[in-house]
Amino acid sequence: MLEYSMFERLPYRSQREALKREGTLIARRQVNGYTILLYILEHTFVEVWTGTEAEVVTTFKKSSNAMAVLEPYIEAMESVDWLGENEV
């Protein structure tokens, strides 16, 4: 498994490939024309912002509060039918 310290040194394209291969997508949201995907990679949150003209990979400090990172995603996560039990 790729350690986060190695991930952050990779070129952008390799980071995206590593996220697809070894990261876990946990949430998605939309903001001002951007689709933002939230991944976990080696106990670290990683966001990928994708718009019509740009794509940016960002990370959070290890000391970041997990609830603060997840808060913007909660509304979108509540509408997901995770177990086929929720009415959407």
Protein backbone atom coordinates (compact mmCIF):
# COMPACT_ATOMS: atom_id res chain seq x y z
CA MET A 1 0.00 0.00 0.00
CA LEU A 2 1.21 3.49 -0.85
CA GLU A 3 2.13 5.59 2.17
CA TYR A 4 0.73 9.11 2.23
CA SER A 5 4.19 10.69 2.43
CA MET A 6 5.03 8.99 -0.87
CA PHE A 7 1.67 9.98 -2.38
CA GLU A 8 2.19 13.69 -1.80
CA ARG A 9 5.51 13.57 -3.67
CA LEU A 10 3.99 12.00 -6.78
CA PRO A 11 3.24 14.04 -9.91
CA TYR A 12 -0.40 15.02 -10.27
CA ARG A 13 -1.31 12.31 -12.81
CA SER A 14 0.24 9.63 -10.60
CA GLN A 15 -1.68 10.95 -7.60
CA ARG A 16 -4.97 10.52 -9.46
CA GLU A 17 -4.02 6.99 -10.50
CA ALA A 18 -3.02 6.13 -6.92
CA LEU A 19 -6.35 7.46 -5.58
CA LYS A 20 -8.28 5.33 -8.05
CA ARG A 21 -6.19 2.28 -7.25
CA GLU A 22 -5.66 2.58 -3.48
CA GLY A 23 -7.93 5.31 -2.16
CA THR A 24 -11.47 4.85 -0.90
CA LEU A 25 -14.08 7.26 -2.26
CA ILE A 26 -16.33 8.20 0.65
CA ALA A 27 -18.30 11.25 -0.49
CA ARG A 28 -19.14 13.59 -3.36
CA ARG A 29 -20.56 17.10 -3.54
CA GLN A 30 -21.05 19.99 -5.99
CA VAL A 31 -19.84 23.57 -5.40
CA ASN A 32 -19.87 26.43 -7.93
CA GLY A 33 -19.57 24.18 -10.97
CA TYR A 34 -16.99 21.87 -9.38
CA THR A 35 -17.50 18.23 -8.53
CA ILE A 36 -15.57 17.47 -5.34
CA LEU A 37 -14.69 13.89 -4.46
CA LEU A 38 -13.50 13.02 -0.96
CA TYR A 39 -11.19 10.04 -0.60
CA ILE A 40 -9.38 8.40 2.29
CA LEU A 41 -5.83 7.32 1.57
CA GLU A 42 -3.72 5.91 4.42
CA HIS A 43 -5.87 7.57 7.12
CA THR A 44 -5.66 10.94 5.34
CA PHE A 45 -8.49 12.85 3.66
CA VAL A 46 -7.83 13.84 0.03
CA GLU A 47 -10.17 15.99 -2.07
CA VAL A 48 -10.22 16.12 -5.86
CA TRP A 49 -11.87 19.25 -7.28
CA THR A 50 -12.90 18.79 -10.93
CA GLY A 51 -14.27 21.60 -13.08
CA THR A 52 -14.57 22.29 -16.77
CA GLU A 53 -11.06 23.74 -17.06
CA ALA A 54 -9.15 22.45 -14.04
CA GLU A 55 -8.68 19.54 -11.67
CA VAL A 56 -6.94 19.99 -8.33
CA VAL A 57 -5.89 17.45 -5.69
CA THR A 58 -5.88 18.84 -2.14
CA THR A 59 -5.15 17.26 1.21
CA PHE A 60 -5.89 18.04 4.84
CA LYS A 61 -3.43 18.29 7.68
CA LYS A 62 -3.18 15.18 9.85
CA SER A 63 -4.43 17.30 12.76
CA SER A 64 -7.68 18.22 10.93
CA ASN A 65 -10.86 17.36 12.75
CA ALA A 66 -12.61 14.54 10.84
CA MET A 67 -16.09 15.99 11.50
CA ALA A 68 -15.00 19.38 10.15
CA VAL A 69 -13.75 17.71 6.96
CA LEU A 70 -16.93 15.64 6.55
CA GLU A 71 -19.43 18.39 7.44
CA PRO A 72 -19.77 19.85 3.90
CA TYR A 73 -20.57 16.36 2.59
CA ILE A 74 -23.19 15.32 5.16
CA GLU A 75 -26.22 16.64 3.30
CA ALA A 76 -25.26 14.77 0.12
CA MET A 77 -24.43 11.62 2.10
CA GLU A 78 -27.85 11.63 3.75
CA SER A 79 -29.57 11.33 0.37
CA VAL A 80 -27.60 8.23 -0.64
CA ASP A 81 -29.48 4.94 -0.40
CA TRP A 82 -26.58 3.01 1.17
CA LEU A 83 -28.50 -0.13 2.12
CA GLY A 84 -31.55 0.15 -0.08
CA GLU A 85 -33.62 1.23 2.94
CA ASN A 86 -33.88 5.00 2.52
CA GLU A 87 -36.44 6.63 0.30
CA VAL A 88 -34.81 9.12 -2.03
